[in-house]
Amino acid sequence: TALIVAESGNLDKPVTITLSDTQCEPFKLYVKPGQTYTRRQLLHALLIRSSNDVARALARDNAGSQEAFARKMNQRMRELGGMSSNFINPNGLPASGQYSTARDMARVARMAYRHPALRQIMRTPLYNFRFSDGRVVPLRNTNRLLRTYTFCNGMKTGYTNLAGHCLISSGTANGRDVIAVVLGSTKGVVAQESAKLLAYGLRLTPTAVNQMRIASN
C-alpha cells in the first residue's frame, strides 16, 4: 500500500478523511471524517503504527475505492514478478482469497527500500503525529529491532490471528544491505528470528552483533 502511494508522488497533497475510511477493525489511529492530513503524514502513521483506517484513506485517495486500489496492488505485484499473491484490501486484515508469500513480500520490500521517502519513514523510531485539532500524539515504531540494534534500519511489522506475528526487517553493515522476511511467528520470537537472519545476511559475528546492540531499548 505504501509503495503504490509513494510511487504515485505528490506526498504533500492533502487527504480529507471520509466515514468509509474509519469503518474498519483496530488497530486504528482514529482519524475523524472531515479531518485533513497530507499523504506524507498518513504514510508515517501507516508504516510506523500500522493504522488500518489510514490504509483505507490512502487507498481511497489513490484509486477511488478499496476495490480499485486492490487491483492496483495486484497489478504492481505482477510487475515486480510476484505470482503468489492476491490482495483484497489495503491493510492486510483477513479477507477470503487474500494471501501472499515471503518471497513476494521481499519483492515489495526491496522496492520500498529503494524509495527515499519510504526508507526514511520506515527507519523512524518515533513520530509525533499532529491531529487536525492540534493534538500531538507520539507514535512509537512497532519494529522493536530499530530500538535494539544499530544495524537495523527498517521496515514493517504485521499481525493477524491467521498470519501470526510477521516482520520484514532491513539492515546495513559492512557495505551490504539486506532484507529479511519472517511470517507466521510469535510475539516473543519474531524479533529474535529477524535479528539472526539480518546478522547472517550482513555477515556479522556474534561479537559484532553485541557491539551493535543499543544500550537502552
N, C-alpha and C. Protein backbone atom coordinates (compact mmCIF):
# COMPACT_ATOMS: atom_id res chain seq x y z
N THR A 1 0.83 -1.19 0.00
CA THR A 1 0.00 0.00 0.00
C THR A 1 0.87 1.25 0.00
N ALA A 2 1.85 1.28 0.90
CA ALA A 2 2.73 2.44 0.97
C ALA A 2 3.53 2.62 -0.31
N LEU A 3 3.96 1.53 -0.90
CA LEU A 3 4.76 1.62 -2.12
C LEU A 3 3.96 2.28 -3.24
N ILE A 4 2.74 1.85 -3.44
CA ILE A 4 1.91 2.42 -4.51
C ILE A 4 1.65 3.90 -4.26
N VAL A 5 1.33 4.25 -3.02
CA VAL A 5 1.08 5.66 -2.69
C VAL A 5 2.33 6.49 -2.93
N ALA A 6 3.47 6.02 -2.47
CA ALA A 6 4.71 6.78 -2.63
C ALA A 6 5.10 6.92 -4.10
N GLU A 7 4.94 5.86 -4.87
CA GLU A 7 5.29 5.91 -6.29
C GLU A 7 4.36 6.83 -7.07
N SER A 8 3.17 7.08 -6.53
CA SER A 8 2.23 7.99 -7.20
C SER A 8 2.64 9.45 -7.02
N GLY A 9 3.49 9.72 -6.03
CA GLY A 9 4.04 11.05 -5.86
C GLY A 9 3.12 12.03 -5.16
N ASN A 10 3.52 13.32 -5.19
CA ASN A 10 2.74 14.41 -4.61
C ASN A 10 2.38 14.10 -3.15
N LEU A 11 3.37 13.79 -2.34
CA LEU A 11 3.12 13.31 -0.98
C LEU A 11 2.65 14.41 -0.03
N ASP A 12 2.74 15.66 -0.46
CA ASP A 12 2.24 16.75 0.38
C ASP A 12 0.82 17.15 0.03
N LYS A 13 0.18 16.40 -0.86
CA LYS A 13 -1.21 16.65 -1.20
C LYS A 13 -2.11 16.31 -0.02
N PRO A 14 -3.10 17.16 0.29
CA PRO A 14 -4.00 16.87 1.42
C PRO A 14 -5.00 15.77 1.09
N VAL A 15 -5.31 14.98 2.11
CA VAL A 15 -6.31 13.92 2.01
C VAL A 15 -7.37 14.19 3.08
N THR A 16 -8.62 14.30 2.67
CA THR A 16 -9.71 14.52 3.62
C THR A 16 -10.34 13.18 3.99
N ILE A 17 -10.39 12.89 5.27
CA ILE A 17 -10.90 11.62 5.76
C ILE A 17 -12.42 11.54 5.56
N THR A 18 -12.89 10.38 5.12
CA THR A 18 -14.33 10.14 4.96
C THR A 18 -14.79 9.08 5.96
N LEU A 19 -16.10 8.95 6.12
CA LEU A 19 -16.65 7.97 7.05
C LEU A 19 -16.23 6.56 6.68
N SER A 20 -16.21 6.26 5.38
CA SER A 20 -15.86 4.90 4.95
C SER A 20 -14.43 4.53 5.33
N ASP A 21 -13.55 5.53 5.42
CA ASP A 21 -12.16 5.26 5.80
C ASP A 21 -12.09 4.70 7.22
N THR A 22 -12.97 5.14 8.09
CA THR A 22 -12.91 4.79 9.51
C THR A 22 -13.61 3.47 9.83
N GLN A 23 -14.30 2.90 8.84
CA GLN A 23 -15.10 1.70 9.09
C GLN A 23 -14.25 0.44 8.91
N CYS A 24 -13.40 0.18 9.89
CA CYS A 24 -12.55 -1.00 9.86
C CYS A 24 -12.20 -1.37 11.30
N GLU A 25 -11.61 -2.53 11.43
CA GLU A 25 -11.25 -3.03 12.76
C GLU A 25 -9.97 -2.34 13.25
N PRO A 26 -9.76 -2.39 14.58
CA PRO A 26 -8.48 -1.91 15.11
C PRO A 26 -7.35 -2.75 14.52
N PHE A 27 -6.13 -2.33 14.52
CA PHE A 27 -5.63 -1.16 15.17
C PHE A 27 -5.87 0.10 14.31
N LYS A 28 -6.38 1.20 14.93
CA LYS A 28 -6.68 2.41 14.18
C LYS A 28 -6.02 3.62 14.82
N LEU A 29 -5.86 4.66 14.01
CA LEU A 29 -5.37 5.93 14.52
C LEU A 29 -6.54 6.78 15.03
N TYR A 30 -7.74 6.40 14.62
CA TYR A 30 -8.97 7.10 14.99
C TYR A 30 -9.02 8.53 14.45
N VAL A 31 -8.63 8.66 13.16
CA VAL A 31 -8.88 9.91 12.47
C VAL A 31 -10.39 10.03 12.24
N LYS A 32 -10.89 11.25 12.09
CA LYS A 32 -12.32 11.50 12.01
C LYS A 32 -12.71 12.03 10.63
N PRO A 33 -13.94 11.73 10.18
CA PRO A 33 -14.42 12.27 8.90
C PRO A 33 -14.34 13.79 8.89
N GLY A 34 -13.86 14.33 7.78
CA GLY A 34 -13.72 15.77 7.64
C GLY A 34 -12.34 16.29 7.99
N GLN A 35 -11.55 15.52 8.73
CA GLN A 35 -10.19 15.93 9.04
C GLN A 35 -9.30 15.80 7.80
N THR A 36 -8.29 16.64 7.71
CA THR A 36 -7.41 16.64 6.54
C THR A 36 -5.95 16.49 6.96
N TYR A 37 -5.27 15.60 6.26
CA TYR A 37 -3.85 15.34 6.50
C TYR A 37 -3.15 15.17 5.17
N THR A 38 -1.85 15.36 5.15
CA THR A 38 -1.11 15.11 3.91
C THR A 38 -0.86 13.62 3.74
N ARG A 39 -0.61 13.23 2.53
CA ARG A 39 -0.27 11.83 2.28
C ARG A 39 0.96 11.42 3.08
N ARG A 40 1.91 12.34 3.20
CA ARG A 40 3.14 12.04 3.93
C ARG A 40 2.86 11.77 5.40
N GLN A 41 1.99 12.58 6.02
CA GLN A 41 1.61 12.34 7.41
C GLN A 41 0.97 10.96 7.57
N LEU A 42 0.09 10.63 6.66
CA LEU A 42 -0.62 9.36 6.75
C LEU A 42 0.31 8.18 6.50
N LEU A 43 1.28 8.35 5.64
CA LEU A 43 2.26 7.28 5.41
C LEU A 43 3.05 7.02 6.69
N HIS A 44 3.36 8.06 7.43
CA HIS A 44 4.06 7.86 8.71
C HIS A 44 3.20 7.02 9.66
N ALA A 45 1.91 7.36 9.75
CA ALA A 45 1.03 6.61 10.65
C ALA A 45 0.85 5.17 10.17
N LEU A 46 0.84 4.98 8.86
CA LEU A 46 0.67 3.64 8.30
C LEU A 46 1.87 2.75 8.59
N LEU A 47 3.05 3.26 8.33
CA LEU A 47 4.26 2.44 8.42
C LEU A 47 4.83 2.34 9.82
N ILE A 48 4.58 3.34 10.65
CA ILE A 48 5.13 3.32 12.00
C ILE A 48 4.19 2.65 12.99
N ARG A 49 2.86 2.82 12.80
CA ARG A 49 1.91 2.29 13.77
C ARG A 49 0.85 1.36 13.16
N SER A 50 0.96 1.01 11.90
CA SER A 50 0.05 0.02 11.28
C SER A 50 -1.42 0.40 11.41
N SER A 51 -1.74 1.66 11.16
CA SER A 51 -3.11 2.14 11.34
C SER A 51 -3.99 1.71 10.16
N ASN A 52 -4.99 0.87 10.45
CA ASN A 52 -5.83 0.32 9.40
C ASN A 52 -6.74 1.35 8.75
N ASP A 53 -7.23 2.31 9.53
CA ASP A 53 -8.08 3.36 8.95
C ASP A 53 -7.27 4.25 8.02
N VAL A 54 -6.02 4.47 8.35
CA VAL A 54 -5.15 5.27 7.49
C VAL A 54 -4.90 4.55 6.16
N ALA A 55 -4.73 3.24 6.21
CA ALA A 55 -4.54 2.47 4.97
C ALA A 55 -5.74 2.64 4.05
N ARG A 56 -6.94 2.61 4.61
CA ARG A 56 -8.16 2.78 3.81
C ARG A 56 -8.23 4.18 3.21
N ALA A 57 -7.84 5.18 3.99
CA ALA A 57 -7.87 6.56 3.49
C ALA A 57 -6.90 6.76 2.33
N LEU A 58 -5.71 6.22 2.47
CA LEU A 58 -4.71 6.35 1.40
C LEU A 58 -5.14 5.60 0.15
N ALA A 59 -5.73 4.43 0.33
CA ALA A 59 -6.18 3.63 -0.81
C ALA A 59 -7.29 4.35 -1.58
N ARG A 60 -8.27 4.86 -0.84
CA ARG A 60 -9.39 5.57 -1.48
C ARG A 60 -8.89 6.82 -2.20
N ASP A 61 -8.00 7.56 -1.54
CA ASP A 61 -7.44 8.76 -2.15
C ASP A 61 -6.70 8.44 -3.44
N ASN A 62 -6.02 7.31 -3.45
CA ASN A 62 -5.20 6.94 -4.61
C ASN A 62 -6.00 6.39 -5.78
N ALA A 63 -6.99 5.55 -5.48
CA ALA A 63 -7.67 4.82 -6.56
C ALA A 63 -9.18 5.05 -6.62
N GLY A 64 -9.74 5.73 -5.63
CA GLY A 64 -11.17 6.00 -5.65
C GLY A 64 -11.99 5.06 -4.80
N SER A 65 -11.49 3.84 -4.61
CA SER A 65 -12.19 2.85 -3.79
C SER A 65 -11.20 1.79 -3.33
N GLN A 66 -11.61 1.02 -2.30
CA GLN A 66 -10.76 -0.05 -1.81
C GLN A 66 -10.56 -1.12 -2.89
N GLU A 67 -11.62 -1.42 -3.63
CA GLU A 67 -11.56 -2.46 -4.65
C GLU A 67 -10.62 -2.06 -5.80
N ALA A 68 -10.72 -0.80 -6.22
CA ALA A 68 -9.86 -0.33 -7.30
C ALA A 68 -8.40 -0.32 -6.86
N PHE A 69 -8.16 0.02 -5.60
CA PHE A 69 -6.78 0.03 -5.10
C PHE A 69 -6.23 -1.39 -5.02
N ALA A 70 -7.05 -2.35 -4.61
CA ALA A 70 -6.60 -3.74 -4.56
C ALA A 70 -6.17 -4.22 -5.94
N ARG A 71 -6.88 -3.78 -6.97
CA ARG A 71 -6.49 -4.15 -8.33
C ARG A 71 -5.12 -3.56 -8.68
N LYS A 72 -4.87 -2.34 -8.22
CA LYS A 72 -3.56 -1.73 -8.45
C LYS A 72 -2.47 -2.48 -7.69
N MET A 73 -2.80 -2.94 -6.49
CA MET A 73 -1.84 -3.73 -5.71
C MET A 73 -1.46 -5.00 -6.45
N ASN A 74 -2.45 -5.70 -6.97
CA ASN A 74 -2.20 -6.95 -7.69
C ASN A 74 -1.41 -6.70 -8.97
N GLN A 75 -1.73 -5.62 -9.67
CA GLN A 75 -1.00 -5.30 -10.88
C GLN A 75 0.46 -4.97 -10.58
N ARG A 76 0.69 -4.19 -9.52
CA ARG A 76 2.07 -3.82 -9.17
C ARG A 76 2.87 -5.05 -8.75
N MET A 77 2.23 -5.95 -8.03
CA MET A 77 2.92 -7.17 -7.62
C MET A 77 3.34 -7.99 -8.83
N ARG A 78 2.46 -8.09 -9.82
CA ARG A 78 2.81 -8.84 -11.03
C ARG A 78 3.98 -8.17 -11.75
N GLU A 79 3.98 -6.82 -11.75
CA GLU A 79 5.09 -6.11 -12.38
C GLU A 79 6.41 -6.39 -11.68
N LEU A 80 6.34 -6.65 -10.38
CA LEU A 80 7.54 -6.96 -9.61
C LEU A 80 7.94 -8.43 -9.71
N GLY A 81 7.15 -9.20 -10.45
CA GLY A 81 7.47 -10.61 -10.63
C GLY A 81 6.81 -11.53 -9.64
N GLY A 82 5.96 -11.00 -8.77
CA GLY A 82 5.29 -11.81 -7.77
C GLY A 82 4.06 -12.49 -8.33
N MET A 83 4.05 -13.81 -8.30
CA MET A 83 2.94 -14.58 -8.86
C MET A 83 2.21 -15.40 -7.81
N SER A 84 2.51 -15.17 -6.53
CA SER A 84 1.92 -15.99 -5.46
C SER A 84 1.19 -15.13 -4.43
N SER A 85 0.59 -14.04 -4.90
CA SER A 85 -0.13 -13.14 -4.01
C SER A 85 -1.44 -12.72 -4.63
N ASN A 86 -2.41 -12.43 -3.77
CA ASN A 86 -3.66 -11.83 -4.21
C ASN A 86 -4.17 -10.93 -3.10
N PHE A 87 -4.38 -9.66 -3.43
CA PHE A 87 -4.78 -8.68 -2.43
C PHE A 87 -6.24 -8.30 -2.59
N ILE A 88 -6.94 -8.20 -1.46
CA ILE A 88 -8.35 -7.83 -1.43
C ILE A 88 -8.54 -6.46 -0.80
N ASN A 89 -7.68 -6.12 0.17
CA ASN A 89 -7.79 -4.83 0.85
C ASN A 89 -6.40 -4.24 1.08
N PRO A 90 -6.32 -2.95 1.45
CA PRO A 90 -5.02 -2.28 1.57
C PRO A 90 -4.36 -2.41 2.93
N ASN A 91 -5.05 -2.99 3.92
CA ASN A 91 -4.48 -3.02 5.26
C ASN A 91 -4.12 -4.41 5.76
N GLY A 92 -4.34 -5.44 4.95
CA GLY A 92 -3.92 -6.78 5.34
C GLY A 92 -4.82 -7.49 6.32
N LEU A 93 -5.94 -6.88 6.68
CA LEU A 93 -6.88 -7.57 7.56
C LEU A 93 -7.44 -8.79 6.84
N PRO A 94 -7.79 -9.84 7.58
CA PRO A 94 -8.24 -11.09 6.96
C PRO A 94 -9.38 -10.89 5.97
N ALA A 95 -9.23 -11.50 4.81
CA ALA A 95 -10.26 -11.45 3.77
C ALA A 95 -10.15 -12.71 2.94
N SER A 96 -11.28 -13.29 2.60
CA SER A 96 -11.29 -14.51 1.81
C SER A 96 -10.59 -14.28 0.47
N GLY A 97 -9.61 -15.12 0.17
CA GLY A 97 -8.89 -15.01 -1.09
C GLY A 97 -7.67 -14.12 -1.04
N GLN A 98 -7.37 -13.56 0.13
CA GLN A 98 -6.19 -12.70 0.25
C GLN A 98 -5.02 -13.51 0.81
N TYR A 99 -3.88 -13.46 0.13
CA TYR A 99 -2.72 -14.23 0.56
C TYR A 99 -1.45 -13.68 -0.08
N SER A 100 -0.32 -14.06 0.47
CA SER A 100 0.97 -13.71 -0.12
C SER A 100 2.02 -14.68 0.40
N THR A 101 3.27 -14.46 0.00
CA THR A 101 4.38 -15.32 0.41
C THR A 101 5.55 -14.45 0.85
N ALA A 102 6.50 -15.08 1.53
CA ALA A 102 7.70 -14.37 1.96
C ALA A 102 8.47 -13.81 0.76
N ARG A 103 8.57 -14.59 -0.30
CA ARG A 103 9.31 -14.12 -1.48
C ARG A 103 8.63 -12.92 -2.12
N ASP A 104 7.31 -12.96 -2.25
CA ASP A 104 6.61 -11.82 -2.84
C ASP A 104 6.72 -10.58 -1.96
N MET A 105 6.62 -10.76 -0.65
CA MET A 105 6.77 -9.62 0.25
C MET A 105 8.18 -9.03 0.17
N ALA A 106 9.17 -9.88 -0.06
CA ALA A 106 10.54 -9.40 -0.21
C ALA A 106 10.67 -8.55 -1.48
N ARG A 107 9.95 -8.93 -2.53
CA ARG A 107 9.98 -8.15 -3.76
C ARG A 107 9.47 -6.73 -3.51
N VAL A 108 8.37 -6.63 -2.79
CA VAL A 108 7.80 -5.32 -2.48
C VAL A 108 8.75 -4.54 -1.57
N ALA A 109 9.29 -5.23 -0.56
CA ALA A 109 10.18 -4.58 0.40
C ALA A 109 11.42 -4.01 -0.28
N ARG A 110 11.93 -4.72 -1.26
CA ARG A 110 13.13 -4.24 -1.96
C ARG A 110 12.85 -2.92 -2.68
N MET A 111 11.68 -2.82 -3.30
CA MET A 111 11.32 -1.58 -3.98
C MET A 111 11.06 -0.46 -2.97
N ALA A 112 10.42 -0.78 -1.86
CA ALA A 112 10.17 0.22 -0.82
C ALA A 112 11.49 0.72 -0.24
N TYR A 113 12.46 -0.17 -0.08
CA TYR A 113 13.77 0.19 0.46
C TYR A 113 14.49 1.16 -0.46
N ARG A 114 14.23 1.05 -1.75
CA ARG A 114 14.88 1.92 -2.72
C ARG A 114 14.21 3.29 -2.81
N HIS A 115 13.02 3.44 -2.23
CA HIS A 115 12.30 4.71 -2.31
C HIS A 115 12.73 5.61 -1.16
N PRO A 116 13.34 6.76 -1.43
CA PRO A 116 13.89 7.61 -0.37
C PRO A 116 12.88 7.99 0.71
N ALA A 117 11.67 8.37 0.32
CA ALA A 117 10.67 8.80 1.31
C ALA A 117 10.26 7.64 2.21
N LEU A 118 10.01 6.49 1.63
CA LEU A 118 9.60 5.33 2.43
C LEU A 118 10.74 4.86 3.32
N ARG A 119 11.93 4.87 2.80
CA ARG A 119 13.08 4.40 3.58
C ARG A 119 13.27 5.27 4.83
N GLN A 120 13.09 6.58 4.66
CA GLN A 120 13.23 7.49 5.79
C GLN A 120 12.16 7.22 6.84
N ILE A 121 10.93 7.01 6.38
CA ILE A 121 9.82 6.77 7.32
C ILE A 121 10.02 5.46 8.07
N MET A 122 10.40 4.42 7.35
CA MET A 122 10.48 3.09 7.96
C MET A 122 11.61 2.95 8.97
N ARG A 123 12.55 3.89 8.96
CA ARG A 123 13.63 3.84 9.93
C ARG A 123 13.41 4.81 11.09
N THR A 124 12.24 5.46 11.11
CA THR A 124 11.92 6.44 12.16
C THR A 124 11.41 5.72 13.41
N PRO A 125 12.10 5.84 14.54
CA PRO A 125 11.66 5.13 15.75
C PRO A 125 10.48 5.79 16.44
N LEU A 126 10.35 7.13 16.30
CA LEU A 126 9.27 7.85 16.97
C LEU A 126 8.83 9.02 16.11
N TYR A 127 7.52 9.15 15.91
CA TYR A 127 6.98 10.22 15.08
C TYR A 127 5.84 10.91 15.81
N ASN A 128 5.90 12.22 15.89
CA ASN A 128 4.84 12.99 16.53
C ASN A 128 3.78 13.35 15.50
N PHE A 129 2.63 12.64 15.59
CA PHE A 129 1.54 12.86 14.65
C PHE A 129 0.65 13.98 15.17
N ARG A 130 0.44 15.01 14.33
CA ARG A 130 -0.38 16.14 14.72
C ARG A 130 -1.78 15.99 14.11
N PHE A 131 -2.77 15.84 14.98
CA PHE A 131 -4.15 15.75 14.52
C PHE A 131 -4.65 17.13 14.09
N SER A 132 -5.75 17.14 13.34
CA SER A 132 -6.31 18.39 12.82
C SER A 132 -6.70 19.36 13.92
N ASP A 133 -7.06 18.83 15.10
CA ASP A 133 -7.46 19.69 16.19
C ASP A 133 -6.28 20.22 17.00
N GLY A 134 -5.06 19.93 16.56
CA GLY A 134 -3.88 20.43 17.24
C GLY A 134 -3.23 19.45 18.19
N ARG A 135 -3.92 18.37 18.53
CA ARG A 135 -3.33 17.38 19.42
C ARG A 135 -2.13 16.72 18.75
N VAL A 136 -1.11 16.46 19.55
CA VAL A 136 0.08 15.77 19.05
C VAL A 136 0.22 14.46 19.81
N VAL A 137 0.26 13.36 19.06
CA VAL A 137 0.36 12.04 19.67
C VAL A 137 1.65 11.37 19.19
N PRO A 138 2.52 10.97 20.10
CA PRO A 138 3.75 10.28 19.68
C PRO A 138 3.44 8.86 19.22
N LEU A 139 3.91 8.51 18.04
CA LEU A 139 3.73 7.17 17.50
C LEU A 139 5.06 6.44 17.57
N ARG A 140 5.11 5.38 18.35
CA ARG A 140 6.34 4.60 18.50
C ARG A 140 6.34 3.46 17.49
N ASN A 141 7.44 3.32 16.79
CA ASN A 141 7.55 2.29 15.76
C ASN A 141 7.35 0.90 16.37
N THR A 142 6.51 0.11 15.72
CA THR A 142 6.23 -1.24 16.22
C THR A 142 7.37 -2.22 15.96
N ASN A 143 8.37 -1.80 15.17
CA ASN A 143 9.53 -2.65 14.88
C ASN A 143 10.56 -2.52 15.99
N ARG A 144 10.57 -3.48 16.89
CA ARG A 144 11.46 -3.42 18.06
C ARG A 144 12.94 -3.49 17.70
N LEU A 145 13.26 -4.07 16.55
CA LEU A 145 14.67 -4.17 16.16
C LEU A 145 15.31 -2.81 15.97
N LEU A 146 14.50 -1.80 15.57
CA LEU A 146 15.03 -0.46 15.40
C LEU A 146 15.57 0.10 16.71
N ARG A 147 14.99 -0.36 17.81
CA ARG A 147 15.40 0.15 19.12
C ARG A 147 16.40 -0.79 19.80
N THR A 148 16.80 -1.84 19.09
CA THR A 148 17.67 -2.85 19.69
C THR A 148 19.05 -2.91 19.05
N TYR A 149 19.11 -2.78 17.71
CA TYR A 149 20.39 -2.92 17.01
C TYR A 149 20.62 -1.74 16.05
N THR A 150 21.83 -1.24 16.04
CA THR A 150 22.14 -0.12 15.15
C THR A 150 22.19 -0.54 13.69
N PHE A 151 22.39 -1.83 13.42
CA PHE A 151 22.44 -2.25 12.01
C PHE A 151 21.06 -2.35 11.38
N CYS A 152 20.00 -2.31 12.19
CA CYS A 152 18.64 -2.38 11.64
C CYS A 152 18.18 -0.98 11.23
N ASN A 153 17.62 -0.86 10.03
CA ASN A 153 17.13 0.44 9.55
C ASN A 153 15.73 0.36 8.94
N GLY A 154 14.90 -0.55 9.38
CA GLY A 154 13.51 -0.71 8.92
C GLY A 154 13.09 -2.16 9.14
N MET A 155 11.83 -2.61 8.76
CA MET A 155 10.97 -1.90 7.85
C MET A 155 9.53 -1.89 8.38
N LYS A 156 8.87 -3.10 8.54
CA LYS A 156 7.44 -3.09 8.83
C LYS A 156 7.00 -4.38 9.54
N THR A 157 6.19 -4.18 10.58
CA THR A 157 5.59 -5.32 11.29
C THR A 157 4.19 -5.61 10.75
N GLY A 158 3.66 -6.75 11.13
CA GLY A 158 2.28 -7.09 10.77
C GLY A 158 1.77 -8.19 11.67
N TYR A 159 0.46 -8.21 11.90
CA TYR A 159 -0.11 -9.27 12.72
C TYR A 159 -1.59 -9.44 12.43
N THR A 160 -2.01 -10.69 12.28
CA THR A 160 -3.42 -11.10 12.37
C THR A 160 -3.40 -12.46 13.04
N ASN A 161 -4.56 -12.89 13.52
CA ASN A 161 -4.64 -14.22 14.14
C ASN A 161 -4.22 -15.31 13.18
N LEU A 162 -4.60 -15.15 11.91
CA LEU A 162 -4.29 -16.17 10.91
C LEU A 162 -2.82 -16.13 10.48
N ALA A 163 -2.29 -14.92 10.31
CA ALA A 163 -0.92 -14.79 9.80
C ALA A 163 0.13 -14.91 10.89
N GLY A 164 -0.27 -14.70 12.14
CA GLY A 164 0.71 -14.68 13.22
C GLY A 164 1.49 -13.38 13.22
N HIS A 165 2.56 -13.36 13.98
CA HIS A 165 3.41 -12.17 14.04
C HIS A 165 4.41 -12.19 12.88
N CYS A 166 4.43 -11.11 12.13
CA CYS A 166 5.26 -11.02 10.93
C CYS A 166 6.14 -9.78 11.01
N LEU A 167 7.31 -9.87 10.42
CA LEU A 167 8.22 -8.72 10.39
C LEU A 167 9.09 -8.79 9.14
N ILE A 168 9.04 -7.72 8.38
CA ILE A 168 10.00 -7.52 7.30
C ILE A 168 11.00 -6.50 7.83
N SER A 169 12.25 -6.91 7.97
CA SER A 169 13.27 -6.04 8.53
C SER A 169 14.39 -5.82 7.51
N SER A 170 15.06 -4.70 7.65
CA SER A 170 16.18 -4.39 6.77
C SER A 170 17.37 -3.98 7.61
N GLY A 171 18.55 -4.17 7.07
CA GLY A 171 19.75 -3.81 7.81
C GLY A 171 20.89 -3.48 6.88
N THR A 172 21.86 -2.75 7.40
CA THR A 172 23.03 -2.40 6.62
C THR A 172 24.28 -2.45 7.49
N ALA A 173 25.36 -2.99 6.95
CA ALA A 173 26.64 -3.07 7.64
C ALA A 173 27.67 -3.61 6.65
N ASN A 174 28.89 -3.21 6.85
CA ASN A 174 30.00 -3.74 6.02
C ASN A 174 29.74 -3.56 4.53
N GLY A 175 29.08 -2.47 4.15
CA GLY A 175 28.82 -2.21 2.75
C GLY A 175 27.72 -3.07 2.14
N ARG A 176 26.99 -3.79 2.98
CA ARG A 176 25.92 -4.66 2.50
C ARG A 176 24.56 -4.17 3.00
N ASP A 177 23.54 -4.36 2.19
CA ASP A 177 22.16 -4.09 2.58
C ASP A 177 21.36 -5.36 2.39
N VAL A 178 20.62 -5.77 3.42
CA VAL A 178 19.84 -7.00 3.31
C VAL A 178 18.42 -6.78 3.84
N ILE A 179 17.52 -7.62 3.39
CA ILE A 179 16.13 -7.62 3.84
C ILE A 179 15.79 -9.03 4.30
N ALA A 180 15.15 -9.13 5.45
CA ALA A 180 14.72 -10.42 5.99
C ALA A 180 13.21 -10.42 6.15
N VAL A 181 12.59 -11.54 5.83
CA VAL A 181 11.14 -11.67 5.94
C VAL A 181 10.81 -12.85 6.84
N VAL A 182 10.10 -12.60 7.93
CA VAL A 182 9.65 -13.65 8.83
C VAL A 182 8.14 -13.57 8.94
N LEU A 183 7.46 -14.65 8.58
CA LEU A 183 6.00 -14.71 8.63
C LEU A 183 5.57 -15.85 9.55
N GLY A 184 4.38 -15.72 10.14
CA GLY A 184 3.82 -16.81 10.93
C GLY A 184 4.56 -17.11 12.20
N SER A 185 5.18 -16.12 12.80
CA SER A 185 5.96 -16.33 14.01
C SER A 185 5.11 -15.99 15.24
N THR A 186 5.76 -15.85 16.39
CA THR A 186 5.09 -15.48 17.63
C THR A 186 5.68 -14.18 18.15
N LYS A 187 4.97 -13.53 19.05
CA LYS A 187 5.39 -12.22 19.55
C LYS A 187 6.76 -12.27 20.20
N GLY A 188 7.03 -13.32 20.94
CA GLY A 188 8.30 -13.39 21.66
C GLY A 188 9.48 -13.82 20.82
N VAL A 189 9.22 -14.29 19.60
CA VAL A 189 10.30 -14.89 18.80
C VAL A 189 10.58 -14.12 17.51
N VAL A 190 9.59 -13.40 16.97
CA VAL A 190 9.73 -12.81 15.65
C VAL A 190 10.92 -11.86 15.55
N ALA A 191 11.16 -11.05 16.58
CA ALA A 191 12.28 -10.12 16.54
C ALA A 191 13.61 -10.87 16.59
N GLN A 192 13.68 -11.92 17.42
CA GLN A 192 14.91 -12.70 17.53
C GLN A 192 15.24 -13.37 16.20
N GLU A 193 14.22 -13.97 15.57
CA GLU A 193 14.44 -14.65 14.29
C GLU A 193 14.90 -13.66 13.23
N SER A 194 14.29 -12.48 13.23
CA SER A 194 14.65 -11.46 12.25
C SER A 194 16.08 -10.97 12.47
N ALA A 195 16.45 -10.76 13.72
CA ALA A 195 17.81 -10.30 14.02
C ALA A 195 18.85 -11.31 13.56
N LYS A 196 18.58 -12.59 13.77
CA LYS A 196 19.51 -13.64 13.35
C LYS A 196 19.65 -13.67 11.83
N LEU A 197 18.53 -13.51 11.12
CA LEU A 197 18.59 -13.50 9.66
C LEU A 197 19.37 -12.30 9.15
N LEU A 198 19.11 -11.11 9.73
CA LEU A 198 19.85 -9.92 9.32
C LEU A 198 21.34 -10.09 9.58
N ALA A 199 21.69 -10.58 10.76
CA ALA A 199 23.09 -10.77 11.09
C ALA A 199 23.76 -11.75 10.13
N TYR A 200 23.05 -12.81 9.78
CA TYR A 200 23.58 -13.79 8.84
C TYR A 200 23.81 -13.14 7.47
N GLY A 201 22.82 -12.41 7.00
CA GLY A 201 22.93 -11.76 5.69
C GLY A 201 24.01 -10.69 5.65
N LEU A 202 24.21 -10.01 6.78
CA LEU A 202 25.21 -8.95 6.85
C LEU A 202 26.59 -9.49 7.23
N ARG A 203 26.67 -10.81 7.47
CA ARG A 203 27.93 -11.47 7.82
C ARG A 203 28.52 -10.90 9.11
N LEU A 204 27.66 -10.71 10.09
CA LEU A 204 28.10 -10.18 11.38
C LEU A 204 28.38 -11.33 12.35
N THR A 205 29.49 -11.26 13.03
CA THR A 205 29.81 -12.26 14.06
C THR A 205 28.97 -11.97 15.30
N PRO A 206 28.80 -12.94 16.19
CA PRO A 206 28.09 -12.69 17.44
C PRO A 206 28.67 -11.53 18.23
N THR A 207 30.00 -11.39 18.19
CA THR A 207 30.64 -10.27 18.89
C THR A 207 30.22 -8.94 18.28
N ALA A 208 30.20 -8.88 16.96
CA ALA A 208 29.81 -7.65 16.27
C ALA A 208 28.35 -7.31 16.56
N VAL A 209 27.49 -8.33 16.59
CA VAL A 209 26.08 -8.10 16.88
C VAL A 209 25.91 -7.49 18.27
N ASN A 210 26.63 -8.02 19.24
CA ASN A 210 26.56 -7.50 20.60
C ASN A 210 27.07 -6.06 20.68
N GLN A 211 28.11 -5.77 19.91
CA GLN A 211 28.65 -4.42 19.91
C GLN A 211 27.70 -3.42 19.27
N MET A 212 26.80 -3.90 18.41
CA MET A 212 25.86 -3.02 17.73
C MET A 212 24.51 -2.98 18.43
N ARG A 213 24.45 -3.55 19.61
CA ARG A 213 23.21 -3.50 20.38
C ARG A 213 23.08 -2.12 21.04
N ILE A 214 21.89 -1.57 20.94
CA ILE A 214 21.61 -0.27 21.55
C ILE A 214 21.44 -0.46 23.04
N ALA A 215 22.08 0.38 23.83
CA ALA A 215 22.13 0.20 25.28
C ALA A 215 20.74 0.18 25.91
N SER A 216 19.86 1.09 25.49
CA SER A 216 18.53 1.19 26.07
C SER A 216 17.49 1.08 24.98
N ASN A 217 16.57 0.10 25.08
CA ASN A 217 15.55 -0.05 24.06
C ASN A 217 14.20 -0.32 24.71
